[in-house]
PDB file of N, CA and C in Angstrom:
ATOM      1  N   MET A   1     -99.601 129.927  55.178  1.00  0.00           N
ATOM      2  CA  MET A   1     -98.782 128.965  55.891  1.00  0.00           C
ATOM      3  C   MET A   1     -97.324 129.097  55.439  1.00  0.00           C
ATOM      4  N   GLN A   2     -96.424 129.173  56.406  1.00  0.00           N
ATOM      5  CA  GLN A   2     -95.009 129.341  56.106  1.00  0.00           C
ATOM      6  C   GLN A   2     -94.382 128.008  55.702  1.00  0.00           C
ATOM      7  N   LYS A   3     -93.494 128.054  54.722  1.00  0.00           N
ATOM      8  CA  LYS A   3     -92.820 126.850  54.224  1.00  0.00           C
ATOM      9  C   LYS A   3     -91.741 126.414  55.210  1.00  0.00           C
ATOM     10  N   SER A   4     -91.522 125.118  55.253  1.00  0.00           N
ATOM     11  CA  SER A   4     -90.457 124.588  56.099  1.00  0.00           C
ATOM     12  C   SER A   4     -89.110 124.825  55.418  1.00  0.00           C
ATOM     13  N   LYS A   5     -88.046 124.708  56.195  1.00  0.00           N
ATOM     14  CA  LYS A   5     -86.705 124.854  55.627  1.00  0.00           C
ATOM     15  C   LYS A   5     -86.458 123.789  54.561  1.00  0.00           C
ATOM     16  N   THR A   6     -86.992 122.604  54.777  1.00  0.00           N
ATOM     17  CA  THR A   6     -86.827 121.524  53.803  1.00  0.00           C
ATOM     18  C   THR A   6     -87.482 121.899  52.475  1.00  0.00           C
ATOM     19  N   GLN A   7     -88.668 122.470  52.542  1.00  0.00           N
ATOM     20  CA  GLN A   7     -89.358 122.902  51.318  1.00  0.00           C
ATOM     21  C   GLN A   7     -88.595 124.038  50.644  1.00  0.00           C
ATOM     22  N   ARG A   8     -88.120 124.985  51.441  1.00  0.00           N
ATOM     23  CA  ARG A   8     -87.376 126.112  50.870  1.00  0.00           C
ATOM     24  C   ARG A   8     -86.063 125.644  50.246  1.00  0.00           C
ATOM     25  N   ALA A   9     -85.403 124.671  50.886  1.00  0.00           N
ATOM     26  CA  ALA A   9     -84.157 124.134  50.329  1.00  0.00           C
ATOM     27  C   ALA A   9     -84.430 123.403  49.017  1.00  0.00           C
ATOM     28  N   ALA A  10     -85.557 122.672  48.947  1.00  0.00           N
ATOM     29  CA  ALA A  10     -85.929 121.979  47.712  1.00  0.00           C
ATOM     30  C   ALA A  10     -86.225 122.986  46.596  1.00  0.00           C
ATOM     31  N   GLU A  11     -86.875 124.079  46.931  1.00  0.00           N
ATOM     32  CA  GLU A  11     -87.148 125.126  45.948  1.00  0.00           C
ATOM     33  C   GLU A  11     -85.855 125.795  45.487  1.00  0.00           C
ATOM     34  N   LEU A  12     -84.932 125.995  46.423  1.00  0.00           N
ATOM     35  CA  LEU A  12     -83.638 126.576  46.094  1.00  0.00           C
ATOM     36  C   LEU A  12     -82.891 125.667  45.118  1.00  0.00           C
ATOM     37  N   ARG A  13     -82.878 124.373  45.411  1.00  0.00           N
ATOM     38  CA  ARG A  13     -82.210 123.420  44.529  1.00  0.00           C
ATOM     39  C   ARG A  13     -82.840 123.450  43.138  1.00  0.00           C
ATOM     40  N   ALA A  14     -84.158 123.478  43.075  1.00  0.00           N
ATOM     41  CA  ALA A  14     -84.854 123.516  41.785  1.00  0.00           C
ATOM     42  C   ALA A  14     -84.485 124.783  41.011  1.00  0.00           C
ATOM     43  N   GLY A  15     -84.405 125.918  41.702  1.00  0.00           N
ATOM     44  CA  GLY A  15     -84.026 127.172  41.064  1.00  0.00           C
ATOM     45  C   GLY A  15     -82.595 127.142  40.548  1.00  0.00           C
ATOM     46  N   ILE A  16     -81.692 126.567  41.337  1.00  0.00           N
ATOM     47  CA  ILE A  16     -80.285 126.443  40.932  1.00  0.00           C
ATOM     48  C   ILE A  16     -80.180 125.523  39.723  1.00  0.00           C
ATOM     49  N   GLU A  17     -80.869 124.384  39.774  1.00  0.00           N
ATOM     50  CA  GLU A  17     -80.827 123.444  38.657  1.00  0.00           C
ATOM     51  C   GLU A  17     -81.386 124.066  37.382  1.00  0.00           C
ATOM     52  N   LYS A  18     -82.450 124.842  37.504  1.00  0.00           N
ATOM     53  CA  LYS A  18     -83.035 125.529  36.342  1.00  0.00           C
ATOM     54  C   LYS A  18     -82.008 126.497  35.752  1.00  0.00           C
ATOM     55  N   TYR A  19     -81.351 127.250  36.606  1.00  0.00           N
ATOM     56  CA  TYR A  19     -80.326 128.188  36.144  1.00  0.00           C
ATOM     57  C   TYR A  19     -79.220 127.455  35.394  1.00  0.00           C
ATOM     58  N   PHE A  20     -78.724 126.348  35.968  1.00  0.00           N
ATOM     59  CA  PHE A  20     -77.660 125.590  35.321  1.00  0.00           C
ATOM     60  C   PHE A  20     -78.130 124.984  33.998  1.00  0.00           C
ATOM     61  N   GLU A  21     -79.361 124.516  33.932  1.00  0.00           N
ATOM     62  CA  GLU A  21     -79.898 123.972  32.677  1.00  0.00           C
ATOM     63  C   GLU A  21     -79.953 125.050  31.599  1.00  0.00           C
ATOM     64  N   GLU A  22     -80.374 126.262  31.970  1.00  0.00           N
ATOM     65  CA  GLU A  22     -80.426 127.367  31.011  1.00  0.00           C
ATOM     66  C   GLU A  22     -79.028 127.703  30.500  1.00  0.00           C
ATOM     67  N   ARG A  23     -78.061 127.738  31.393  1.00  0.00           N
ATOM     68  CA  ARG A  23     -76.680 128.026  30.990  1.00  0.00           C
ATOM     69  C   ARG A  23     -76.125 126.927  30.091  1.00  0.00           C
ATOM     70  N   ARG A  24     -76.442 125.675  30.424  1.00  0.00           N
ATOM     71  CA  ARG A  24     -76.017 124.547  29.584  1.00  0.00           C
ATOM     72  C   ARG A  24     -76.565 124.699  28.174  1.00  0.00           C
ATOM     73  N   ALA A  25     -77.841 125.038  28.076  1.00  0.00           N
ATOM     74  CA  ALA A  25     -78.494 125.205  26.773  1.00  0.00           C
ATOM     75  C   ALA A  25     -77.860 126.352  25.981  1.00  0.00           C
ATOM     76  N   GLU A  26     -77.419 127.403  26.681  1.00  0.00           N
ATOM     77  CA  GLU A  26     -76.778 128.551  26.035  1.00  0.00           C
ATOM     78  C   GLU A  26     -75.301 128.294  25.751  1.00  0.00           C
ATOM     79  N   GLY A  27     -74.736 127.293  26.430  1.00  0.00           N
ATOM     80  CA  GLY A  27     -73.301 127.013  26.302  1.00  0.00           C
ATOM     81  C   GLY A  27     -72.441 128.028  27.017  1.00  0.00           C
ATOM     82  N   THR A  28     -72.990 128.649  28.077  1.00  0.00           N
ATOM     83  CA  THR A  28     -72.255 129.664  28.820  1.00  0.00           C
ATOM     84  C   THR A  28     -71.979 129.213  30.254  1.00  0.00           C
ATOM     85  N   PHE A  29     -70.938 129.810  30.823  1.00  0.00           N
ATOM     86  CA  PHE A  29     -70.522 129.467  32.174  1.00  0.00           C
ATOM     87  C   PHE A  29     -71.549 129.934  33.201  1.00  0.00           C
ATOM     88  N   PRO A  30     -71.926 129.070  34.143  1.00  0.00           N
ATOM     89  CA  PRO A  30     -72.899 129.422  35.189  1.00  0.00           C
ATOM     90  C   PRO A  30     -72.219 130.162  36.346  1.00  0.00           C
ATOM     91  N   THR A  31     -72.189 131.469  36.285  1.00  0.00           N
ATOM     92  CA  THR A  31     -71.497 132.255  37.307  1.00  0.00           C
ATOM     93  C   THR A  31     -72.289 132.329  38.607  1.00  0.00           C
ATOM     94  N   GLU A  32     -71.584 132.629  39.683  1.00  0.00           N
ATOM     95  CA  GLU A  32     -72.246 132.805  40.975  1.00  0.00           C
ATOM     96  C   GLU A  32     -73.179 134.012  40.933  1.00  0.00           C
ATOM     97  N   ALA A  33     -72.708 135.113  40.350  1.00  0.00           N
ATOM     98  CA  ALA A  33     -73.533 136.318  40.263  1.00  0.00           C
ATOM     99  C   ALA A  33     -74.787 136.062  39.425  1.00  0.00           C
ATOM    100  N   GLY A  34     -74.625 135.360  38.313  1.00  0.00           N
ATOM    101  CA  GLY A  34     -75.773 135.030  37.467  1.00  0.00           C
ATOM    102  C   GLY A  34     -76.782 134.163  38.201  1.00  0.00           C
ATOM    103  N   MET A  35     -76.267 133.231  38.992  1.00  0.00           N
ATOM    104  CA  MET A  35     -77.145 132.360  39.777  1.00  0.00           C
ATOM    105  C   MET A  35     -77.945 133.175  40.787  1.00  0.00           C
ATOM    106  N   LEU A  36     -77.278 134.099  41.471  1.00  0.00           N
ATOM    107  CA  LEU A  36     -77.969 134.923  42.465  1.00  0.00           C
ATOM    108  C   LEU A  36     -79.033 135.782  41.803  1.00  0.00           C
ATOM    109  N   LEU A  37     -78.722 136.325  40.633  1.00  0.00           N
ATOM    110  CA  LEU A  37     -79.714 137.112  39.898  1.00  0.00           C
ATOM    111  C   LEU A  37     -80.908 136.239  39.509  1.00  0.00           C
ATOM    112  N   ALA A  38     -80.637 135.044  39.017  1.00  0.00           N
ATOM    113  CA  ALA A  38     -81.713 134.141  38.604  1.00  0.00           C
ATOM    114  C   ALA A  38     -82.584 133.737  39.798  1.00  0.00           C
ATOM    115  N   LEU A  39     -81.969 133.617  40.972  1.00  0.00           N
ATOM    116  CA  LEU A  39     -82.695 133.244  42.186  1.00  0.00           C
ATOM    117  C   LEU A  39     -83.316 134.451  42.882  1.00  0.00           C
ATOM    118  N   ASP A  40     -83.047 135.637  42.363  1.00  0.00           N
ATOM    119  CA  ASP A  40     -83.522 136.893  42.946  1.00  0.00           C
ATOM    120  C   ASP A  40     -83.029 137.047  44.389  1.00  0.00           C
ATOM    121  N   LEU A  41     -81.725 136.750  44.584  1.00  0.00           N
ATOM    122  CA  LEU A  41     -81.105 136.875  45.907  1.00  0.00           C
ATOM    123  C   LEU A  41     -80.078 137.989  45.882  1.00  0.00           C
ATOM    124  N   GLY A  42     -80.081 138.796  46.915  1.00  0.00           N
ATOM    125  CA  GLY A  42     -79.025 139.779  47.100  1.00  0.00           C
ATOM    126  C   GLY A  42     -77.862 139.133  47.837  1.00  0.00           C
ATOM    127  N   GLU A  43     -76.733 139.809  47.849  1.00  0.00           N
ATOM    128  CA  GLU A  43     -75.550 139.233  48.495  1.00  0.00           C
ATOM    129  C   GLU A  43     -75.748 139.016  49.990  1.00  0.00           C
ATOM    130  N   GLU A  44     -76.424 139.937  50.660  1.00  0.00           N
ATOM    131  CA  GLU A  44     -76.647 139.799  52.108  1.00  0.00           C
ATOM    132  C   GLU A  44     -77.535 138.582  52.411  1.00  0.00           C
ATOM    133  N   GLU A  45     -78.612 138.441  51.661  1.00  0.00           N
ATOM    134  CA  GLU A  45     -79.495 137.282  51.859  1.00  0.00           C
ATOM    135  C   GLU A  45     -78.752 135.983  51.546  1.00  0.00           C
ATOM    136  N   TYR A  46     -77.923 136.016  50.505  1.00  0.00           N
ATOM    137  CA  TYR A  46     -77.112 134.848  50.131  1.00  0.00           C
ATOM    138  C   TYR A  46     -76.186 134.453  51.276  1.00  0.00           C
ATOM    139  N   ARG A  47     -75.508 135.444  51.871  1.00  0.00           N
ATOM    140  CA  ARG A  47     -74.617 135.159  53.012  1.00  0.00           C
ATOM    141  C   ARG A  47     -75.385 134.541  54.179  1.00  0.00           C
ATOM    142  N   LYS A  48     -76.557 135.091  54.466  1.00  0.00           N
ATOM    143  CA  LYS A  48     -77.356 134.565  55.583  1.00  0.00           C
ATOM    144  C   LYS A  48     -77.806 133.133  55.311  1.00  0.00           C
ATOM    145  N   LEU A  49     -78.300 132.888  54.113  1.00  0.00           N
ATOM    146  CA  LEU A  49     -78.735 131.528  53.764  1.00  0.00           C
ATOM    147  C   LEU A  49     -77.567 130.553  53.806  1.00  0.00           C
ATOM    148  N   ASN A  50     -76.404 131.016  53.388  1.00  0.00           N
ATOM    149  CA  ASN A  50     -75.222 130.160  53.336  1.00  0.00           C
ATOM    150  C   ASN A  50     -74.723 129.766  54.725  1.00  0.00           C
ATOM    151  N   GLU A  51     -75.223 130.423  55.756  1.00  0.00           N
ATOM    152  CA  GLU A  51     -74.863 130.069  57.132  1.00  0.00           C
ATOM    153  C   GLU A  51     -75.707 128.916  57.663  1.00  0.00           C
ATOM    154  N   GLU A  52     -76.806 128.621  56.986  1.00  0.00           N
ATOM    155  CA  GLU A  52     -77.681 127.533  57.422  1.00  0.00           C
ATOM    156  C   GLU A  52     -77.357 126.266  56.647  1.00  0.00           C
ATOM    157  N   ARG A  53     -77.194 125.159  57.365  1.00  0.00           N
ATOM    158  CA  ARG A  53     -76.719 123.902  56.800  1.00  0.00           C
ATOM    159  C   ARG A  53     -77.483 123.453  55.561  1.00  0.00           C
ATOM    160  N   MET A  54     -78.799 123.496  55.592  1.00  0.00           N
ATOM    161  CA  MET A  54     -79.597 122.989  54.471  1.00  0.00           C
ATOM    162  C   MET A  54     -79.371 123.797  53.203  1.00  0.00           C
ATOM    163  N   PHE A  55     -79.252 125.107  53.348  1.00  0.00           N
ATOM    164  CA  PHE A  55     -79.061 125.967  52.186  1.00  0.00           C
ATOM    165  C   PHE A  55     -77.607 125.947  51.737  1.00  0.00           C
ATOM    166  N   LYS A  56     -76.713 125.894  52.710  1.00  0.00           N
ATOM    167  CA  LYS A  56     -75.282 125.840  52.399  1.00  0.00           C
ATOM    168  C   LYS A  56     -74.983 124.636  51.510  1.00  0.00           C
ATOM    169  N   LYS A  57     -75.631 123.518  51.799  1.00  0.00           N
ATOM    170  CA  LYS A  57     -75.442 122.297  51.012  1.00  0.00           C
ATOM    171  C   LYS A  57     -75.794 122.538  49.540  1.00  0.00           C
ATOM    172  N   GLU A  58     -76.857 123.274  49.282  1.00  0.00           N
ATOM    173  CA  GLU A  58     -77.278 123.551  47.908  1.00  0.00           C
ATOM    174  C   GLU A  58     -76.298 124.484  47.204  1.00  0.00           C
ATOM    175  N   PHE A  59     -75.809 125.488  47.926  1.00  0.00           N
ATOM    176  CA  PHE A  59     -74.834 126.395  47.331  1.00  0.00           C
ATOM    177  C   PHE A  59     -73.504 125.687  47.088  1.00  0.00           C
ATOM    178  N   GLU A  60     -73.162 124.745  47.961  1.00  0.00           N
ATOM    179  CA  GLU A  60     -71.944 123.943  47.767  1.00  0.00           C
ATOM    180  C   GLU A  60     -72.068 123.098  46.496  1.00  0.00           C
ATOM    181  N   ARG A  61     -73.240 122.522  46.271  1.00  0.00           N
ATOM    182  CA  ARG A  61     -73.471 121.756  45.037  1.00  0.00           C
ATOM    183  C   ARG A  61     -73.298 122.649  43.811  1.00  0.00           C
ATOM    184  N   ALA A  62     -73.778 123.880  43.895  1.00  0.00           N
ATOM    185  CA  ALA A  62     -73.642 124.821  42.782  1.00  0.00           C
ATOM    186  C   ALA A  62     -72.173 125.155  42.539  1.00  0.00           C
ATOM    187  N   ARG A  63     -71.417 125.356  43.618  1.00  0.00           N
ATOM    188  CA  ARG A  63     -69.981 125.642  43.474  1.00  0.00           C
ATOM    189  C   ARG A  63     -69.267 124.473  42.819  1.00  0.00           C
ATOM    190  N   LEU A  64     -69.607 123.256  43.260  1.00  0.00           N
ATOM    191  CA  LEU A  64     -68.995 122.068  42.664  1.00  0.00           C
ATOM    192  C   LEU A  64     -69.365 121.929  41.184  1.00  0.00           C
ATOM    193  N   ALA A  65     -70.582 122.291  40.841  1.00  0.00           N
ATOM    194  CA  ALA A  65     -71.008 122.228  39.435  1.00  0.00           C
ATOM    195  C   ALA A  65     -70.224 123.245  38.598  1.00  0.00           C
ATOM    196  N   ARG A  66     -69.965 124.440  39.139  1.00  0.00           N
ATOM    197  CA  ARG A  66     -69.158 125.425  38.414  1.00  0.00           C
ATOM    198  C   ARG A  66     -67.737 124.916  38.246  1.00  0.00           C
ATOM    199  N   THR A  67     -67.182 124.340  39.313  1.00  0.00           N
ATOM    200  CA  THR A  67     -65.828 123.783  39.250  1.00  0.00           C
ATOM    201  C   THR A  67     -65.761 122.683  38.201  1.00  0.00           C
ATOM    202  N   ASP A  68     -66.748 121.811  38.188  1.00  0.00           N
ATOM    203  CA  ASP A  68     -66.813 120.730  37.204  1.00  0.00           C
ATOM    204  C   ASP A  68     -66.837 121.297  35.786  1.00  0.00           C
ATOM    205  N   TRP A  69     -67.653 122.313  35.564  1.00  0.00           N
ATOM    206  CA  TRP A  69     -67.763 122.948  34.243  1.00  0.00           C
ATOM    207  C   TRP A  69     -66.397 123.451  33.787  1.00  0.00           C
ATOM    208  N   LEU A  70     -65.708 124.176  34.674  1.00  0.00           N
ATOM    209  CA  LEU A  70     -64.410 124.749  34.340  1.00  0.00           C
ATOM    210  C   LEU A  70     -63.348 123.683  34.126  1.00  0.00           C
ATOM    211  N   GLU A  71     -63.301 122.684  35.012  1.00  0.00           N
ATOM    212  CA  GLU A  71     -62.300 121.621  34.876  1.00  0.00           C
ATOM    213  C   GLU A  71     -62.462 120.888  33.556  1.00  0.00           C
ATOM    214  N   ASN A  72     -63.691 120.569  33.195  1.00  0.00           N
ATOM    215  CA  ASN A  72     -63.926 119.853  31.940  1.00  0.00           C
ATOM    216  C   ASN A  72     -63.522 120.680  30.730  1.00  0.00           C
ATOM    217  N   ARG A  73     -63.855 121.941  30.707  1.00  0.00           N
ATOM    218  CA  ARG A  73     -63.489 122.786  29.565  1.00  0.00           C
ATOM    219  C   ARG A  73     -61.980 122.983  29.486  1.00  0.00           C
ATOM    220  N   MET A  74     -61.351 123.073  30.644  1.00  0.00           N
ATOM    221  CA  MET A  74     -59.915 123.309  30.698  1.00  0.00           C
ATOM    222  C   MET A  74     -59.139 122.176  30.031  1.00  0.00           C
ATOM    223  N   VAL A  75     -59.596 120.955  30.220  1.00  0.00           N
ATOM    224  CA  VAL A  75     -58.846 119.815  29.691  1.00  0.00           C
ATOM    225  C   VAL A  75     -59.373 119.287  28.359  1.00  0.00           C
ATOM    226  N   THR A  76     -60.561 119.690  27.950  1.00  0.00           N
ATOM    227  CA  THR A  76     -61.118 119.139  26.715  1.00  0.00           C
ATOM    228  C   THR A  76     -61.204 120.136  25.567  1.00  0.00           C
ATOM    229  N   GLU A  77     -61.125 121.419  25.853  1.00  0.00           N
ATOM    230  CA  GLU A  77     -61.268 122.413  24.795  1.00  0.00           C
ATOM    231  C   GLU A  77     -59.972 123.195  24.621  1.00  0.00           C
ATOM    232  N   SER A  78     -59.408 123.107  23.448  1.00  0.00           N
ATOM    233  CA  SER A  78     -58.147 123.759  23.124  1.00  0.00           C
ATOM    234  C   SER A  78     -58.231 125.268  23.362  1.00  0.00           C
ATOM    235  N   GLY A  79     -57.194 125.820  23.970  1.00  0.00           N
ATOM    236  CA  GLY A  79     -57.107 127.252  24.181  1.00  0.00           C
ATOM    237  C   GLY A  79     -57.883 127.789  25.364  1.00  0.00           C
ATOM    238  N   ARG A  80     -58.459 126.927  26.170  1.00  0.00           N
ATOM    239  CA  ARG A  80     -59.270 127.394  27.305  1.00  0.00           C
ATOM    240  C   ARG A  80     -58.578 127.269  28.659  1.00  0.00           C
ATOM    241  N   ALA A  81     -57.422 126.636  28.692  1.00  0.00           N
ATOM    242  CA  ALA A  81     -56.779 126.327  29.970  1.00  0.00           C
ATOM    243  C   ALA A  81     -56.523 127.571  30.824  1.00  0.00           C
ATOM    244  N   SER A  82     -55.965 128.615  30.248  1.00  0.00           N
ATOM    245  CA  SER A  82     -55.624 129.811  31.032  1.00  0.00           C
ATOM    246  C   SER A  82     -56.862 130.476  31.612  1.00  0.00           C
ATOM    247  N   GLY A  83     -57.865 130.685  30.788  1.00  0.00           N
ATOM    248  CA  GLY A  83     -59.092 131.330  31.266  1.00  0.00           C
ATOM    249  C   GLY A  83     -59.786 130.509  32.330  1.00  0.00           C
ATOM    250  N   CYS A  84     -59.865 129.208  32.111  1.00  0.00           N
ATOM    251  CA  CYS A  84     -60.509 128.334  33.097  1.00  0.00           C
ATOM    252  C   CYS A  84     -59.724 128.315  34.401  1.00  0.00           C
ATOM    253  N   MET A  85     -58.392 128.263  34.310  1.00  0.00           N
ATOM    254  CA  MET A  85     -57.582 128.244  35.528  1.00  0.00           C
ATOM    255  C   MET A  85     -57.737 129.553  36.292  1.00  0.00           C
ATOM    256  N   ASN A  86     -57.799 130.677  35.587  1.00  0.00           N
ATOM    257  CA  ASN A  86     -58.011 131.954  36.272  1.00  0.00           C
ATOM    258  C   ASN A  86     -59.342 131.951  37.023  1.00  0.00           C
ATOM    259  N   ALA A  87     -60.383 131.410  36.423  1.00  0.00           N
ATOM    260  CA  ALA A  87     -61.678 131.334  37.095  1.00  0.00           C
ATOM    261  C   ALA A  87     -61.629 130.346  38.255  1.00  0.00           C
ATOM    262  N   LEU A  88     -60.927 129.225  38.080  1.00  0.00           N
ATOM    263  CA  LEU A  88     -60.828 128.221  39.152  1.00  0.00           C
ATOM    264  C   LEU A  88     -60.057 128.751  40.363  1.00  0.00           C
ATOM    265  N   LYS A  89     -59.208 129.731  40.168  1.00  0.00           N
ATOM    266  CA  LYS A  89     -58.454 130.300  41.285  1.00  0.00           C
ATOM    267  C   LYS A  89     -59.341 131.128  42.207  1.00  0.00           C
ATOM    268  N   GLN A  90     -60.480 131.582  41.714  1.00  0.00           N
ATOM    269  CA  GLN A  90     -61.400 132.343  42.551  1.00  0.00           C
ATOM    270  C   GLN A  90     -62.035 131.400  43.573  1.00  0.00           C
ATOM    271  N   GLU A  91     -62.111 131.839  44.806  1.00  0.00           N
ATOM    272  CA  GLU A  91     -62.661 131.011  45.891  1.00  0.00           C
ATOM    273  C   GLU A  91     -64.051 130.477  45.549  1.00  0.00           C
ATOM    274  N   LYS A  92     -64.882 131.302  44.929  1.00  0.00           N
ATOM    275  CA  LYS A  92     -66.252 130.899  44.628  1.00  0.00           C
ATOM    276  C   LYS A  92     -66.329 129.825  43.551  1.00  0.00           C
ATOM    277  N   ASN A  93     -65.205 129.555  42.855  1.00  0.00           N
ATOM    278  CA  ASN A  93     -65.174 128.528  41.816  1.00  0.00           C
ATOM    279  C   ASN A  93     -64.229 127.382  42.143  1.00  0.00           C
ATOM    280  N   GLY A  94     -63.737 127.305  43.332  1.00  0.00           N
ATOM    281  CA  GLY A  94     -62.860 126.206  43.710  1.00  0.00           C
ATOM    282  C   GLY A  94     -61.650 126.628  44.511  1.00  0.00           C
ATOM    283  N   GLY A  95     -61.148 127.842  44.281  1.00  0.00           N
ATOM    284  CA  GLY A  95     -60.003 128.337  45.043  1.00  0.00           C
ATOM    285  C   GLY A  95     -58.709 127.608  44.745  1.00  0.00           C
ATOM    286  N   TYR A  96     -58.524 127.190  43.497  1.00  0.00           N
ATOM    287  CA  TYR A  96     -57.316 126.467  43.115  1.00  0.00           C
ATOM    288  C   TYR A  96     -56.073 127.332  43.288  1.00  0.00           C
ATOM    289  N   ALA A  97     -54.934 126.668  43.465  1.00  0.00           N
ATOM    290  CA  ALA A  97     -53.637 127.339  43.513  1.00  0.00           C
ATOM    291  C   ALA A  97     -52.747 126.667  42.474  1.00  0.00           C
ATOM    292  N   ASP A  98     -51.853 127.447  41.879  1.00  0.00           N
ATOM    293  CA  ASP A  98     -50.956 126.890  40.863  1.00  0.00           C
ATOM    294  C   ASP A  98     -50.049 125.807  41.429  1.00  0.00           C
ATOM    295  N   LYS A  99     -49.564 126.018  42.637  1.00  0.00           N
ATOM    296  CA  LYS A  99     -48.643 125.063  43.251  1.00  0.00           C
ATOM    297  C   LYS A  99     -49.095 124.773  44.670  1.00  0.00           C
ATOM    298  N   ALA A 100     -48.896 123.544  45.089  1.00  0.00           N
ATOM    299  CA  ALA A 100     -49.268 123.162  46.452  1.00  0.00           C
ATOM    300  C   ALA A 100     -48.225 123.684  47.437  1.00  0.00           C
ATOM    301  N   GLY A 101     -48.685 124.223  48.545  1.00  0.00           N
ATOM    302  CA  GLY A 101     -47.795 124.650  49.616  1.00  0.00           C
ATOM    303  C   GLY A 101     -47.014 125.909  49.295  1.00  0.00           C
ATOM    304  N   ALA A 102     -46.086 126.212  50.181  1.00  0.00           N
ATOM    305  CA  ALA A 102     -45.256 127.409  50.027  1.00  0.00           C
ATOM    306  C   ALA A 102     -44.177 127.153  48.984  1.00  0.00           C
ATOM    307  N   PRO A 103     -43.720 128.209  48.335  1.00  0.00           N
ATOM    308  CA  PRO A 103     -42.656 128.027  47.348  1.00  0.00           C
ATOM    309  C   PRO A 103     -41.394 127.483  48.004  1.00  0.00           C
ATOM    310  N   ARG A 104     -40.741 126.582  47.316  1.00  0.00           N
ATOM    311  CA  ARG A 104     -39.523 125.957  47.819  1.00  0.00           C
ATOM    312  C   ARG A 104     -38.317 126.805  47.452  1.00  0.00           C
ATOM    313  N   GLU A 105     -37.435 127.000  48.400  1.00  0.00           N
ATOM    314  CA  GLU A 105     -36.213 127.759  48.132  1.00  0.00           C
ATOM    315  C   GLU A 105     -35.266 126.882  47.338  1.00  0.00           C
ATOM    316  N   GLN A 106     -34.677 127.461  46.301  1.00  0.00           N
ATOM    317  CA  GLN A 106     -33.705 126.742  45.491  1.00  0.00           C
ATOM    318  C   GLN A 106     -32.375 127.468  45.580  1.00  0.00           C
ATOM    319  N   LYS A 107     -31.290 126.703  45.606  1.00  0.00           N
ATOM    320  CA  LYS A 107     -29.955 127.287  45.692  1.00  0.00           C
ATOM    321  C   LYS A 107     -29.132 126.843  44.497  1.00  0.00           C
ATOM    322  N   LEU A 108     -28.288 127.742  44.033  1.00  0.00           N
ATOM    323  CA  LEU A 108     -27.348 127.442  42.969  1.00  0.00           C
ATOM    324  C   LEU A 108     -25.955 127.618  43.556  1.00  0.00           C
ATOM    325  N   VAL A 109     -25.162 126.555  43.555  1.00  0.00           N
ATOM    326  CA  VAL A 109     -23.807 126.604  44.093  1.00  0.00           C
ATOM    327  C   VAL A 109     -22.845 126.510  42.921  1.00  0.00           C
ATOM    328  N   ILE A 110     -21.969 127.496  42.793  1.00  0.00           N
ATOM    329  CA  ILE A 110     -20.988 127.516  41.713  1.00  0.00           C
ATOM    330  C   ILE A 110     -19.617 127.253  42.316  1.00  0.00           C
ATOM    331  N   CYS A 111     -18.996 126.194  41.876  1.00  0.00           N
ATOM    332  CA  CYS A 111     -17.674 125.810  42.362  1.00  0.00           C
ATOM    333  C   CYS A 111     -16.633 126.414  41.418  1.00  0.00           C
ATOM    334  N   LEU A 112     -15.757 127.243  41.930  1.00  0.00           N
ATOM    335  CA  LEU A 112     -14.770 127.944  41.113  1.00  0.00           C
ATOM    336  C   LEU A 112     -13.382 127.318  41.211  1.00  0.00           C
ATOM    337  N   THR A 113     -13.282 126.109  41.683  1.00  0.00           N
ATOM    338  CA  THR A 113     -11.990 125.429  41.776  1.00  0.00           C
ATOM    339  C   THR A 113     -11.427 125.246  40.377  1.00  0.00           C
ATOM    340  N   GLY A 114     -10.151 125.634  40.210  1.00  0.00           N
ATOM    341  CA  GLY A 114      -9.499 125.490  38.914  1.00  0.00           C
ATOM    342  C   GLY A 114      -9.771 126.632  37.962  1.00  0.00           C
ATOM    343  N   VAL A 115     -10.338 127.715  38.452  1.00  0.00           N
ATOM    344  CA  VAL A 115     -10.654 128.863  37.610  1.00  0.00           C
ATOM    345  C   VAL A 115      -9.849 130.061  38.127  1.00  0.00           C
ATOM    346  N   GLY A 116      -9.304 130.864  37.234  1.00  0.00           N
ATOM    347  CA  GLY A 116      -8.612 132.089  37.640  1.00  0.00           C
ATOM    348  C   GLY A 116      -7.101 131.999  37.475  1.00  0.00           C
ATOM    349  N   ARG A 117      -6.384 133.065  37.872  1.00  0.00           N
ATOM    350  CA  ARG A 117      -4.944 133.177  37.729  1.00  0.00           C
ATOM    351  C   ARG A 117      -4.226 132.086  38.525  1.00  0.00           C
ATOM    352  N   GLY A 118      -3.346 131.401  37.890  1.00  0.00           N
ATOM    353  CA  GLY A 118      -2.544 130.374  38.539  1.00  0.00           C
ATOM    354  C   GLY A 118      -3.255 129.062  38.743  1.00  0.00           C
ATOM    355  N   ALA A 119      -4.493 128.915  38.260  1.00  0.00           N
ATOM    356  CA  ALA A 119      -5.232 127.677  38.448  1.00  0.00           C
ATOM    357  C   ALA A 119      -4.674 126.551  37.628  1.00  0.00           C
ATOM    358  N   ALA A 120      -3.998 126.857  36.517  1.00  0.00           N
ATOM    359  CA  ALA A 120      -3.470 125.816  35.635  1.00  0.00           C
ATOM    360  C   ALA A 120      -2.096 125.361  36.062  1.00  0.00           C
ATOM    361  N   ASP A 121      -1.478 125.980  37.051  1.00  0.00           N
ATOM    362  CA  ASP A 121      -0.114 125.619  37.492  1.00  0.00           C
ATOM    363  C   ASP A 121      -0.069 124.326  38.199  1.00  0.00           C
TER     364      ASP A 121
END
């Protein structure tokens, strides 16, 4: 008998949670690649599953959990900010940007009134 999507999504969630629990116990970052290996998923199958709402929801939870892990370490553990921010910039971990929006143009205007030959006259 074939499993329903609901059952498969529940199994997927259980597998993801198990992976995250193992990483927590090891004190290591739960990477997307590590998660796929633990779930025995190839990239193509992962992409296909991620197109279906029920499975996409579970992968979104995993992404948010990775983002949470990185954000917490970045602000609570000395010397981790740069590494965590580099990981957070990756789309699969949050897609953070250093600055919001496009860079703003800045101008420097130098007024030369009273400078040069004959300025003191």
